[in-house]
C-alpha atoms as a PDB file:
ATOM      1  CA  MET A   1      -8.348 -12.684 -20.537  1.00  0.00           C
ATOM      2  CA  PHE A   2     -11.331 -13.444 -18.052  1.00  0.00           C
ATOM      3  CA  ILE A   3     -14.214 -10.932 -18.090  1.00  0.00           C
ATOM      4  CA  PHE A   4     -15.106 -10.134 -14.508  1.00  0.00           C
ATOM      5  CA  GLU A   5     -18.774 -10.212 -13.734  1.00  0.00           C
ATOM      6  CA  ARG A   6     -20.470  -9.670 -10.448  1.00  0.00           C
ATOM      7  CA  VAL A   7     -19.106 -11.572  -7.372  1.00  0.00           C
ATOM      8  CA  PHE A   8     -22.138 -13.928  -6.907  1.00  0.00           C
ATOM      9  CA  LEU A   9     -20.084 -16.103  -9.214  1.00  0.00           C
ATOM     10  CA  PHE A  10     -17.078 -15.813  -6.856  1.00  0.00           C
ATOM     11  CA  MET A  11     -17.780 -17.589  -3.755  1.00  0.00           C
ATOM     12  CA  ARG A  12     -14.175 -18.105  -2.580  1.00  0.00           C
ATOM     13  CA  VAL A  13     -11.598 -15.375  -2.842  1.00  0.00           C
ATOM     14  CA  ILE A  14      -7.813 -15.310  -2.314  1.00  0.00           C
ATOM     15  CA  SER A  15      -6.013 -12.093  -1.747  1.00  0.00           C
ATOM     16  CA  LEU A  16      -2.227 -11.879  -2.537  1.00  0.00           C
ATOM     17  CA  VAL A  17      -1.931  -8.291  -1.219  1.00  0.00           C
ATOM     18  CA  PRO A  18      -2.059  -7.044   2.324  1.00  0.00           C
ATOM     19  CA  SER A  19      -3.825  -3.700   1.543  1.00  0.00           C
ATOM     20  CA  ILE A  20      -6.506  -5.524  -0.729  1.00  0.00           C
ATOM     21  CA  THR A  21      -7.255  -8.145   2.078  1.00  0.00           C
ATOM     22  CA  GLU A  22      -8.159  -5.222   4.292  1.00  0.00           C
ATOM     23  CA  THR A  23     -10.160  -3.585   1.561  1.00  0.00           C
ATOM     24  CA  LEU A  24     -12.176  -6.855   1.140  1.00  0.00           C
ATOM     25  CA  PHE A  25     -12.945  -7.070   4.663  1.00  0.00           C
ATOM     26  CA  ASP A  26     -13.909  -3.391   4.939  1.00  0.00           C
ATOM     27  CA  LEU A  27     -16.286  -3.813   1.870  1.00  0.00           C
ATOM     28  CA  GLY A  28     -18.078  -6.376   3.832  1.00  0.00           C
ATOM     29  CA  LEU A  29     -16.719  -9.892   2.883  1.00  0.00           C
ATOM     30  CA  THR A  30     -16.415 -12.537   5.435  1.00  0.00           C
ATOM     31  CA  THR A  31     -13.987 -15.319   6.404  1.00  0.00           C
ATOM     32  CA  ASP A  32     -16.235 -17.702   4.517  1.00  0.00           C
ATOM     33  CA  GLU A  33     -15.590 -15.779   1.438  1.00  0.00           C
ATOM     34  CA  ILE A  34     -11.972 -14.676   1.873  1.00  0.00           C
ATOM     35  CA  VAL A  35     -10.202 -18.107   2.115  1.00  0.00           C
ATOM     36  CA  GLY A  36      -6.598 -17.243   1.640  1.00  0.00           C
ATOM     37  CA  ARG A  37      -4.321 -14.426   2.363  1.00  0.00           C
ATOM     38  CA  THR A  38      -0.520 -13.868   2.623  1.00  0.00           C
ATOM     39  CA  LYS A  39       1.431 -13.820   5.859  1.00  0.00           C
ATOM     40  CA  PHE A  40       1.823 -10.088   5.566  1.00  0.00           C
ATOM     41  CA  CYS A  41      -2.009  -9.497   5.483  1.00  0.00           C
ATOM     42  CA  ILE A  42      -2.384  -8.292   9.038  1.00  0.00           C
ATOM     43  CA  HIS A  43      -5.555  -6.182   9.048  1.00  0.00           C
ATOM     44  CA  PRO A  44      -8.143  -6.528  10.420  1.00  0.00           C
ATOM     45  CA  LYS A  45      -6.272  -8.822  12.947  1.00  0.00           C
ATOM     46  CA  GLU A  46      -9.401 -10.348  14.341  1.00  0.00           C
ATOM     47  CA  LEU A  47     -10.526 -11.489  10.999  1.00  0.00           C
ATOM     48  CA  VAL A  48      -7.373 -12.350   9.195  1.00  0.00           C
ATOM     49  CA  ASP A  49      -6.349 -14.778  11.934  1.00  0.00           C
ATOM     50  CA  ASN A  50      -9.108 -16.958  10.779  1.00  0.00           C
ATOM     51  CA  VAL A  51      -7.953 -17.123   7.172  1.00  0.00           C
ATOM     52  CA  GLU A  52      -5.447 -19.630   5.603  1.00  0.00           C
ATOM     53  CA  ILE A  53      -1.986 -18.428   5.011  1.00  0.00           C
ATOM     54  CA  ILE A  54      -0.835 -19.062   1.302  1.00  0.00           C
ATOM     55  CA  GLY A  55       2.755 -17.754   1.610  1.00  0.00           C
ATOM     56  CA  GLY A  56       4.234 -14.364   1.229  1.00  0.00           C
ATOM     57  CA  THR A  57       3.589 -11.791  -1.415  1.00  0.00           C
ATOM     58  CA  LYS A  58       6.856 -12.806  -3.266  1.00  0.00           C
ATOM     59  CA  ASN A  59       6.746 -16.499  -2.529  1.00  0.00           C
ATOM     60  CA  LEU A  60       3.385 -17.892  -2.980  1.00  0.00           C
ATOM     61  CA  ASN A  61       2.608 -21.419  -2.201  1.00  0.00           C
ATOM     62  CA  ILE A  62       0.909 -22.457  -5.429  1.00  0.00           C
ATOM     63  CA  GLU A  63      -0.294 -25.949  -4.279  1.00  0.00           C
ATOM     64  CA  LYS A  64      -1.872 -24.480  -1.091  1.00  0.00           C
ATOM     65  CA  ILE A  65      -3.633 -21.988  -3.363  1.00  0.00           C
ATOM     66  CA  LYS A  66      -4.874 -24.798  -5.491  1.00  0.00           C
ATOM     67  CA  SER A  67      -6.073 -26.797  -2.452  1.00  0.00           C
ATOM     68  CA  LEU A  68      -8.347 -23.886  -1.480  1.00  0.00           C
ATOM     69  CA  LYS A  69     -10.149 -23.949  -4.849  1.00  0.00           C
ATOM     70  CA  PRO A  70     -10.659 -20.223  -5.272  1.00  0.00           C
ATOM     71  CA  ASP A  71     -13.094 -18.623  -7.570  1.00  0.00           C
ATOM     72  CA  LEU A  72     -11.191 -15.348  -7.709  1.00  0.00           C
ATOM     73  CA  ILE A  73      -7.630 -14.408  -6.965  1.00  0.00           C
ATOM     74  CA  ILE A  74      -6.697 -10.707  -6.536  1.00  0.00           C
ATOM     75  CA  ALA A  75      -2.875  -9.806  -7.170  1.00  0.00           C
ATOM     76  CA  ASN A  76      -0.880  -6.739  -7.885  1.00  0.00           C
ATOM     77  CA  LYS A  77       1.629  -6.094 -10.572  1.00  0.00           C
ATOM     78  CA  GLU A  78       4.326  -4.852  -8.138  1.00  0.00           C
ATOM     79  CA  GLU A  79       3.914  -6.876  -5.094  1.00  0.00           C
ATOM     80  CA  ASN A  80       3.602 -10.193  -6.611  1.00  0.00           C
ATOM     81  CA  ILE A  81       5.995 -12.066  -8.850  1.00  0.00           C
ATOM     82  CA  LYS A  82       4.955 -12.060 -12.509  1.00  0.00           C
ATOM     83  CA  GLU A  83       5.729 -15.810 -13.172  1.00  0.00           C
ATOM     84  CA  GLN A  84       3.734 -16.941 -10.320  1.00  0.00           C
ATOM     85  CA  VAL A  85       0.713 -14.875 -11.108  1.00  0.00           C
ATOM     86  CA  GLU A  86       0.921 -16.002 -14.664  1.00  0.00           C
ATOM     87  CA  GLU A  87       0.936 -19.611 -13.482  1.00  0.00           C
ATOM     88  CA  LEU A  88      -2.194 -19.061 -11.552  1.00  0.00           C
ATOM     89  CA  MET A  89      -3.802 -17.373 -14.446  1.00  0.00           C
ATOM     90  CA  ILE A  90      -3.801 -20.512 -16.402  1.00  0.00           C
ATOM     91  CA  ASP A  91      -6.394 -22.183 -14.119  1.00  0.00           C
ATOM     92  CA  TYR A  92      -8.054 -19.510 -12.215  1.00  0.00           C
ATOM     93  CA  LYS A  93      -9.703 -16.152 -12.644  1.00  0.00           C
ATOM     94  CA  VAL A  94      -7.043 -13.507 -11.534  1.00  0.00           C
ATOM     95  CA  LEU A  95      -7.693  -9.883 -11.093  1.00  0.00           C
ATOM     96  CA  LEU A  96      -4.322  -8.185 -11.663  1.00  0.00           C
ATOM     97  CA  THR A  97      -4.242  -4.669 -10.206  1.00  0.00           C
ATOM     98  CA  ASN A  98      -1.713  -1.863 -10.647  1.00  0.00           C
ATOM     99  CA  ILE A  99      -2.062   1.119  -8.264  1.00  0.00           C
ATOM    100  CA  GLU A 100       0.188   4.185  -8.937  1.00  0.00           C
ATOM    101  CA  THR A 101      -2.094   7.149  -8.271  1.00  0.00           C
ATOM    102  CA  LEU A 102      -5.158   8.131  -6.079  1.00  0.00           C
ATOM    103  CA  GLU A 103      -7.190   7.988  -9.156  1.00  0.00           C
ATOM    104  CA  ASP A 104      -5.996   4.343  -9.578  1.00  0.00           C
ATOM    105  CA  ASN A 105      -6.983   3.768  -6.036  1.00  0.00           C
ATOM    106  CA  TYR A 106     -10.432   5.271  -6.678  1.00  0.00           C
ATOM    107  CA  TYR A 107     -11.206   2.927  -9.492  1.00  0.00           C
ATOM    108  CA  LEU A 108      -9.736  -0.068  -7.633  1.00  0.00           C
ATOM    109  CA  ILE A 109     -12.298   0.386  -4.788  1.00  0.00           C
ATOM    110  CA  LYS A 110     -15.063   1.141  -7.260  1.00  0.00           C
ATOM    111  CA  GLN A 111     -14.273  -2.036  -9.300  1.00  0.00           C
ATOM    112  CA  LEU A 112     -14.218  -4.294  -6.240  1.00  0.00           C
ATOM    113  CA  GLY A 113     -17.476  -2.617  -5.112  1.00  0.00           C
ATOM    114  CA  ASN A 114     -19.021  -3.631  -8.337  1.00  0.00           C
ATOM    115  CA  LEU A 115     -17.675  -7.118  -8.532  1.00  0.00           C
ATOM    116  CA  LEU A 116     -18.637  -7.818  -4.884  1.00  0.00           C
ATOM    117  CA  GLY A 117     -22.084  -6.169  -4.824  1.00  0.00           C
ATOM    118  CA  LYS A 118     -20.828  -3.634  -2.426  1.00  0.00           C
ATOM    119  CA  GLU A 119     -21.098  -0.385  -4.369  1.00  0.00           C
ATOM    120  CA  ASP A 120     -22.487   1.666  -1.588  1.00  0.00           C
ATOM    121  CA  ARG A 121     -19.720   0.889   0.845  1.00  0.00           C
ATOM    122  CA  ALA A 122     -17.076   1.370  -1.942  1.00  0.00           C
ATOM    123  CA  GLN A 123     -18.497   4.840  -2.694  1.00  0.00           C
ATOM    124  CA  LEU A 124     -18.278   5.551   1.141  1.00  0.00           C
ATOM    125  CA  PHE A 125     -14.755   4.577   1.366  1.00  0.00           C
ATOM    126  CA  ASN A 126     -13.792   6.543  -1.723  1.00  0.00           C
ATOM    127  CA  LEU A 127     -15.570   9.639  -0.192  1.00  0.00           C
ATOM    128  CA  LYS A 128     -13.600   9.195   2.998  1.00  0.00           C
ATOM    129  CA  THR A 129     -10.366   8.869   1.109  1.00  0.00           C
ATOM    130  CA  TYR A 130     -11.129  12.267  -0.640  1.00  0.00           C
ATOM    131  CA  GLU A 131     -11.775  13.769   2.739  1.00  0.00           C
ATOM    132  CA  ALA A 132      -8.693  12.339   4.214  1.00  0.00           C
ATOM    133  CA  PHE A 133      -6.570  14.608   1.971  1.00  0.00           C
ATOM    134  CA  ASP A 134      -8.833  17.550   2.140  1.00  0.00           C
ATOM    135  CA  PHE A 135      -7.087  19.799   4.670  1.00  0.00           C
ATOM    136  CA  PRO A 136      -5.036  23.027   4.303  1.00  0.00           C
ATOM    137  CA  LYS A 137      -1.429  22.510   2.904  1.00  0.00           C
ATOM    138  CA  ALA A 138       1.643  24.669   3.641  1.00  0.00           C
ATOM    139  CA  GLU A 139       2.128  27.297   0.860  1.00  0.00           C
ATOM    140  CA  LYS A 140       5.689  26.222   0.451  1.00  0.00           C
ATOM    141  CA  ARG A 141       6.329  22.584  -0.476  1.00  0.00           C
ATOM    142  CA  LEU A 142       8.872  21.226   1.696  1.00  0.00           C
ATOM    143  CA  LYS A 143      11.418  18.787   0.064  1.00  0.00           C
ATOM    144  CA  VAL A 144      11.278  15.279   1.616  1.00  0.00           C
ATOM    145  CA  ALA A 145      13.451  12.367   1.368  1.00  0.00           C
ATOM    146  CA  TYR A 146      11.441   9.129   2.237  1.00  0.00           C
ATOM    147  CA  LEU A 147      13.605   6.131   3.361  1.00  0.00           C
ATOM    148  CA  ILE A 148      12.313   2.729   3.073  1.00  0.00           C
ATOM    149  CA  TRP A 149      15.526   0.565   3.682  1.00  0.00           C
ATOM    150  CA  LYS A 150      18.772   0.611   5.300  1.00  0.00           C
ATOM    151  CA  ASN A 151      22.140  -1.194   4.319  1.00  0.00           C
ATOM    152  CA  PRO A 152      21.832   0.097   1.781  1.00  0.00           C
ATOM    153  CA  TYR A 153      19.977   3.173   2.246  1.00  0.00           C
ATOM    154  CA  MET A 154      16.962   3.306  -0.312  1.00  0.00           C
ATOM    155  CA  THR A 155      14.395   5.893  -1.050  1.00  0.00           C
ATOM    156  CA  VAL A 156      11.302   6.387  -3.493  1.00  0.00           C
ATOM    157  CA  GLY A 157      11.434   7.752  -6.837  1.00  0.00           C
ATOM    158  CA  GLY A 158       8.787   9.805  -8.609  1.00  0.00           C
ATOM    159  CA  ASP A 159       7.007   6.964 -10.138  1.00  0.00           C
ATOM    160  CA  THR A 160       5.959   5.323  -6.929  1.00  0.00           C
ATOM    161  CA  PHE A 161       2.627   5.486  -5.024  1.00  0.00           C
ATOM    162  CA  ILE A 162       4.438   6.610  -2.091  1.00  0.00           C
ATOM    163  CA  SER A 163       5.727   9.685  -4.053  1.00  0.00           C
ATOM    164  CA  ARG A 164       2.224  10.535  -5.078  1.00  0.00           C
ATOM    165  CA  ILE A 165       0.995  10.199  -1.554  1.00  0.00           C
ATOM    166  CA  LEU A 166       3.583  12.793  -0.523  1.00  0.00           C
ATOM    167  CA  GLU A 167       2.564  15.031  -3.363  1.00  0.00           C
ATOM    168  CA  GLU A 168      -1.092  14.887  -2.283  1.00  0.00           C
ATOM    169  CA  LEU A 169       0.114  15.797   1.282  1.00  0.00           C
ATOM    170  CA  GLY A 170       1.785  18.877   0.019  1.00  0.00           C
ATOM    171  CA  PHE A 171       5.307  17.715   0.103  1.00  0.00           C
ATOM    172  CA  GLU A 172       7.764  17.584  -2.767  1.00  0.00           C
ATOM    173  CA  ASN A 173       9.858  14.322  -3.133  1.00  0.00           C
ATOM    174  CA  LEU A 174      13.620  15.265  -3.171  1.00  0.00           C
ATOM    175  CA  PHE A 175      14.134  12.192  -5.456  1.00  0.00           C
ATOM    176  CA  LYS A 176      11.124  12.817  -7.779  1.00  0.00           C
ATOM    177  CA  ASN A 177      13.311  12.610 -10.860  1.00  0.00           C
ATOM    178  CA  GLU A 178      14.613   9.079  -9.905  1.00  0.00           C
ATOM    179  CA  LYS A 179      12.877   5.754 -10.931  1.00  0.00           C
ATOM    180  CA  ARG A 180      11.321   3.150  -8.404  1.00  0.00           C
ATOM    181  CA  TYR A 181      13.520   2.666  -5.442  1.00  0.00           C
ATOM    182  CA  PRO A 182      17.091   3.979  -5.853  1.00  0.00           C
ATOM    183  CA  GLU A 183      19.991   3.362  -3.535  1.00  0.00           C
ATOM    184  CA  ILE A 184      21.287   6.602  -1.899  1.00  0.00           C
ATOM    185  CA  GLN A 185      24.108   7.758   0.398  1.00  0.00           C
ATOM    186  CA  LEU A 186      23.301   9.798   3.541  1.00  0.00           C
ATOM    187  CA  GLU A 187      25.335  12.698   1.818  1.00  0.00           C
ATOM    188  CA  ASP A 188      22.487  12.715  -0.810  1.00  0.00           C
ATOM    189  CA  LEU A 189      19.964  13.828   1.950  1.00  0.00           C
ATOM    190  CA  LYS A 190      21.395  17.088   2.675  1.00  0.00           C
ATOM    191  CA  GLU A 191      19.114  18.793   0.194  1.00  0.00           C
ATOM    192  CA  ALA A 192      16.098  17.809   1.913  1.00  0.00           C
ATOM    193  CA  ASP A 193      14.016  19.788   4.348  1.00  0.00           C
ATOM    194  CA  LEU A 194      12.628  16.656   5.891  1.00  0.00           C
ATOM    195  CA  ILE A 195      13.673  13.151   6.236  1.00  0.00           C
ATOM    196  CA  PHE A 196      11.001  10.582   6.607  1.00  0.00           C
ATOM    197  CA  LEU A 197      12.083   7.255   7.979  1.00  0.00           C
ATOM    198  CA  SER A 198       9.218   4.622   7.106  1.00  0.00           C
ATOM    199  CA  SER A 199       8.115   2.004   9.746  1.00  0.00           C
ATOM    200  CA  GLU A 200       8.045  -0.510   6.942  1.00  0.00           C
ATOM    201  CA  PRO A 201       9.438  -2.452   5.028  1.00  0.00           C
ATOM    202  CA  PHE A 202      12.644  -1.613   7.166  1.00  0.00           C
ATOM    203  CA  PRO A 203      11.453  -0.982  10.750  1.00  0.00           C
ATOM    204  CA  PHE A 204      13.299   2.306  11.424  1.00  0.00           C
ATOM    205  CA  LYS A 205      13.514   3.200  15.044  1.00  0.00           C
ATOM    206  CA  GLU A 206      14.617   6.258  17.078  1.00  0.00           C
ATOM    207  CA  LYS A 207      18.269   4.992  17.167  1.00  0.00           C
ATOM    208  CA  HIS A 208      18.333   5.386  13.378  1.00  0.00           C
ATOM    209  CA  ILE A 209      17.396   9.064  13.727  1.00  0.00           C
ATOM    210  CA  GLU A 210      20.543   9.579  15.814  1.00  0.00           C
ATOM    211  CA  GLU A 211      22.776   7.746  13.208  1.00  0.00           C
ATOM    212  CA  ILE A 212      21.506   9.744  10.245  1.00  0.00           C
ATOM    213  CA  GLN A 213      21.538  13.034  12.200  1.00  0.00           C
ATOM    214  CA  GLU A 214      25.283  12.742  12.528  1.00  0.00           C
ATOM    215  CA  VAL A 215      25.599  13.375   8.923  1.00  0.00           C
ATOM    216  CA  CYS A 216      22.269  15.268   8.231  1.00  0.00           C
ATOM    217  CA  LYS A 217      22.629  17.932  10.931  1.00  0.00           C
ATOM    218  CA  ASN A 218      20.259  20.591   9.340  1.00  0.00           C
ATOM    219  CA  GLN A 219      17.266  18.200   8.503  1.00  0.00           C
ATOM    220  CA  LYS A 220      14.324  17.470  10.669  1.00  0.00           C
ATOM    221  CA  ILE A 221      14.111  13.626  10.874  1.00  0.00           C
ATOM    222  CA  LYS A 222      10.860  11.880  11.594  1.00  0.00           C
ATOM    223  CA  ILE A 223       9.600   8.221  11.846  1.00  0.00           C
ATOM    224  CA  VAL A 224       6.479   7.967   9.840  1.00  0.00           C
ATOM    225  CA  ASP A 225       3.663   5.298   9.465  1.00  0.00           C
ATOM    226  CA  GLY A 226       4.755   3.400   6.371  1.00  0.00           C
ATOM    227  CA  GLU A 227       1.006   1.877   6.081  1.00  0.00           C
ATOM    228  CA  ALA A 228      -0.342   5.532   5.641  1.00  0.00           C
ATOM    229  CA  PHE A 229       2.027   6.103   2.734  1.00  0.00           C
ATOM    230  CA  SER A 230       2.013   2.671   0.884  1.00  0.00           C
ATOM    231  CA  TRP A 231      -1.226   0.863   1.713  1.00  0.00           C
ATOM    232  CA  TYR A 232      -3.644   1.575  -0.915  1.00  0.00           C
ATOM    233  CA  GLY A 233      -7.300   0.473  -1.070  1.00  0.00           C
ATOM    234  CA  THR A 234      -9.580   1.476   1.908  1.00  0.00           C
ATOM    235  CA  HIS A 235      -6.563   1.989   4.306  1.00  0.00           C
ATOM    236  CA  LEU A 236      -6.126   5.715   3.143  1.00  0.00           C
ATOM    237  CA  ALA A 237      -9.595   6.496   4.216  1.00  0.00           C
ATOM    238  CA  LYS A 238      -8.658   5.757   7.753  1.00  0.00           C
ATOM    239  CA  CYS A 239      -5.504   8.105   7.653  1.00  0.00           C
ATOM    240  CA  GLY A 240      -7.126  11.513   7.545  1.00  0.00           C
ATOM    241  CA  GLU A 241      -6.288  12.392  11.139  1.00  0.00           C
ATOM    242  CA  TYR A 242      -2.759  11.068  10.946  1.00  0.00           C
ATOM    243  CA  TYR A 243      -2.138  13.160   7.876  1.00  0.00           C
ATOM    244  CA  ARG A 244      -3.519  16.290   9.293  1.00  0.00           C
ATOM    245  CA  VAL A 245      -1.462  15.961  12.659  1.00  0.00           C
ATOM    246  CA  LEU A 246       1.671  15.107  10.668  1.00  0.00           C
ATOM    247  CA  SER A 247       1.110  18.194   8.589  1.00  0.00           C
ATOM    248  CA  GLU A 248       0.524  20.428  11.380  1.00  0.00           C
ATOM    249  CA  ASP A 249       3.500  19.038  13.376  1.00  0.00           C
ATOM    250  CA  LEU A 250       5.848  19.959  10.370  1.00  0.00           C
END
């Protein structure tokens, strides 16, 4: 296992995770330092367009990564394939992250700030993240079914980051007793007060609301910004207004 020291040792960084790529740029790294990213790393657009693509999160181009001669690779336990990450660990310093809670997110940003010599910016984003969730919540927790996929319909269990964000926003995950991302039937949603259709990874649209409403006639159905619920790192700090408006609307 590598011991991670401050980033003046790391001049070339590759991010294998979209939300971490955004975080690295938010902390102040440049396109001279971030030399590789996945095709799903889309923020901030004006900067990521100038960074080499090394495949997708699940199908990394190992040879392309090697050609970029990285000093540090940042991966994630859930978003990347274990075997590919382990292959990279043989020859490179790999920081493997695992974010399940807001506390994990706090320590991720703090750790990256320490590694990169960006402690002040990291602390600022952690403070903004805290403020994003600091607004009055409804006294009664509404039960939410959060859908991430169609054909088959899939939701989120209680052991996911998305479920933790729902809780932080004052909702109750209808499927909190399930694990990871279970398949469900529309009939299973009838116990929910609200049904959230995520904008990603499946791009739910208004037409899908109509389809589901035919079965779930008594539930309020709303398309929500998937990034606001699943992108960890500094992205959460930018979602405070979205969270407040969503909560007030419901």
